[in-house]
């Protein structure tokens, strides 16, 4: 169970394979599993390709998306640690 939760955490943490599998389409929000979509990592990479002026909307959104990505990963890892501690078998 813990490995399942950690697997989901890595997928939401968006390693490079998720970025490649999801594609790099930024045509807005779509919920179709057939069409490509922009992942959070791809969004950060597209927006932050050059110098971003400080206090611009792009600058703020890059940090907001990065923070959201961190929070998702942190919450799922904390859940997985709690799950492992609950179902751990102690041998004497």
Protein backbone atom coordinates (compact mmCIF):
# COMPACT_ATOMS: atom_id res chain seq x y z
CA UNK A 1 0.00 0.00 0.00
CA UNK A 2 2.83 2.37 0.85
CA UNK A 3 4.51 1.72 -2.49
CA UNK A 4 1.25 2.54 -4.26
CA UNK A 5 1.00 5.87 -2.44
CA UNK A 6 4.65 6.67 -3.12
CA UNK A 7 4.11 5.84 -6.79
CA UNK A 8 1.24 8.30 -6.96
CA UNK A 9 3.37 10.84 -5.13
CA UNK A 10 6.10 10.52 -7.72
CA UNK A 11 3.58 10.83 -10.53
CA UNK A 12 2.17 14.00 -9.02
CA UNK A 13 5.70 15.16 -8.40
CA UNK A 14 5.98 14.89 -12.15
CA UNK A 15 9.21 13.23 -13.00
CA UNK A 16 10.40 13.56 -16.56
CA UNK A 17 8.52 10.47 -17.79
CA UNK A 18 5.19 12.01 -16.79
CA UNK A 19 6.11 15.15 -18.68
CA UNK A 20 7.00 13.13 -21.75
CA UNK A 21 3.89 10.95 -21.53
CA UNK A 22 1.54 13.88 -20.99
CA UNK A 23 2.98 15.86 -23.85
CA UNK A 24 3.65 19.54 -24.02
CA UNK A 25 0.33 20.97 -25.11
CA UNK A 26 -0.72 24.21 -23.51
CA UNK A 27 -3.99 24.82 -25.34
CA UNK A 28 -5.85 25.38 -22.11
CA UNK A 29 -7.53 22.94 -19.78
CA UNK A 30 -8.85 19.71 -21.19
CA UNK A 31 -10.01 16.60 -19.40
CA UNK A 32 -9.69 14.19 -22.31
CA UNK A 33 -7.32 11.25 -21.72
CA UNK A 34 -6.74 11.04 -25.48
CA UNK A 35 -5.38 14.55 -26.03
CA UNK A 36 -2.06 15.79 -24.69
CA UNK A 37 -1.94 18.17 -21.77
CA UNK A 38 0.61 20.43 -20.15
CA UNK A 39 1.92 19.15 -16.85
CA UNK A 40 2.99 21.44 -14.03
CA UNK A 41 6.66 20.83 -14.78
CA UNK A 42 6.14 21.57 -18.47
CA UNK A 43 4.32 24.78 -17.60
CA UNK A 44 7.20 25.94 -15.40
CA UNK A 45 9.71 25.03 -18.12
CA UNK A 46 7.74 26.89 -20.82
CA UNK A 47 7.11 30.06 -18.86
CA UNK A 48 10.58 30.30 -17.31
CA UNK A 49 12.60 29.85 -20.50
CA UNK A 50 14.21 33.25 -20.24
CA UNK A 51 14.35 36.21 -17.95
CA UNK A 52 11.04 36.85 -16.26
CA UNK A 53 10.50 40.34 -14.88
CA UNK A 54 10.08 40.34 -11.12
CA UNK A 55 6.52 41.04 -9.91
CA UNK A 56 5.00 40.05 -13.24
CA UNK A 57 2.10 37.60 -13.50
CA UNK A 58 4.39 34.97 -15.08
CA UNK A 59 6.88 35.27 -12.22
CA UNK A 60 4.15 34.85 -9.64
CA UNK A 61 2.49 31.90 -11.38
CA UNK A 62 5.77 29.99 -11.76
CA UNK A 63 6.30 30.16 -8.01
CA UNK A 64 2.65 29.35 -7.31
CA UNK A 65 2.77 26.24 -9.52
CA UNK A 66 6.10 25.18 -7.97
CA UNK A 67 4.70 25.64 -4.48
CA UNK A 68 1.58 23.66 -5.35
CA UNK A 69 3.75 20.88 -6.75
CA UNK A 70 5.78 20.84 -3.54
CA UNK A 71 2.65 20.75 -1.36
CA UNK A 72 1.14 17.83 -3.34
CA UNK A 73 4.35 15.83 -3.03
CA UNK A 74 4.78 16.66 0.67
CA UNK A 75 1.21 15.69 1.57
CA UNK A 76 1.39 12.39 -0.29
CA UNK A 77 4.74 11.53 1.28
CA UNK A 78 3.40 12.35 4.75
CA UNK A 79 0.36 10.16 4.06
CA UNK A 80 2.57 7.32 2.92
CA UNK A 81 4.78 7.55 6.03
CA UNK A 82 1.70 7.50 8.25
CA UNK A 83 0.34 4.50 6.34
CA UNK A 84 3.61 2.58 6.71
CA UNK A 85 3.74 3.26 10.45
CA UNK A 86 0.15 2.10 10.88
CA UNK A 87 0.57 -1.24 9.09
CA UNK A 88 4.16 -2.01 10.03
CA UNK A 89 4.77 -5.45 11.51
CA UNK A 90 7.27 -5.56 14.33
CA UNK A 91 9.20 -8.80 14.72
CA UNK A 92 10.73 -9.77 18.05
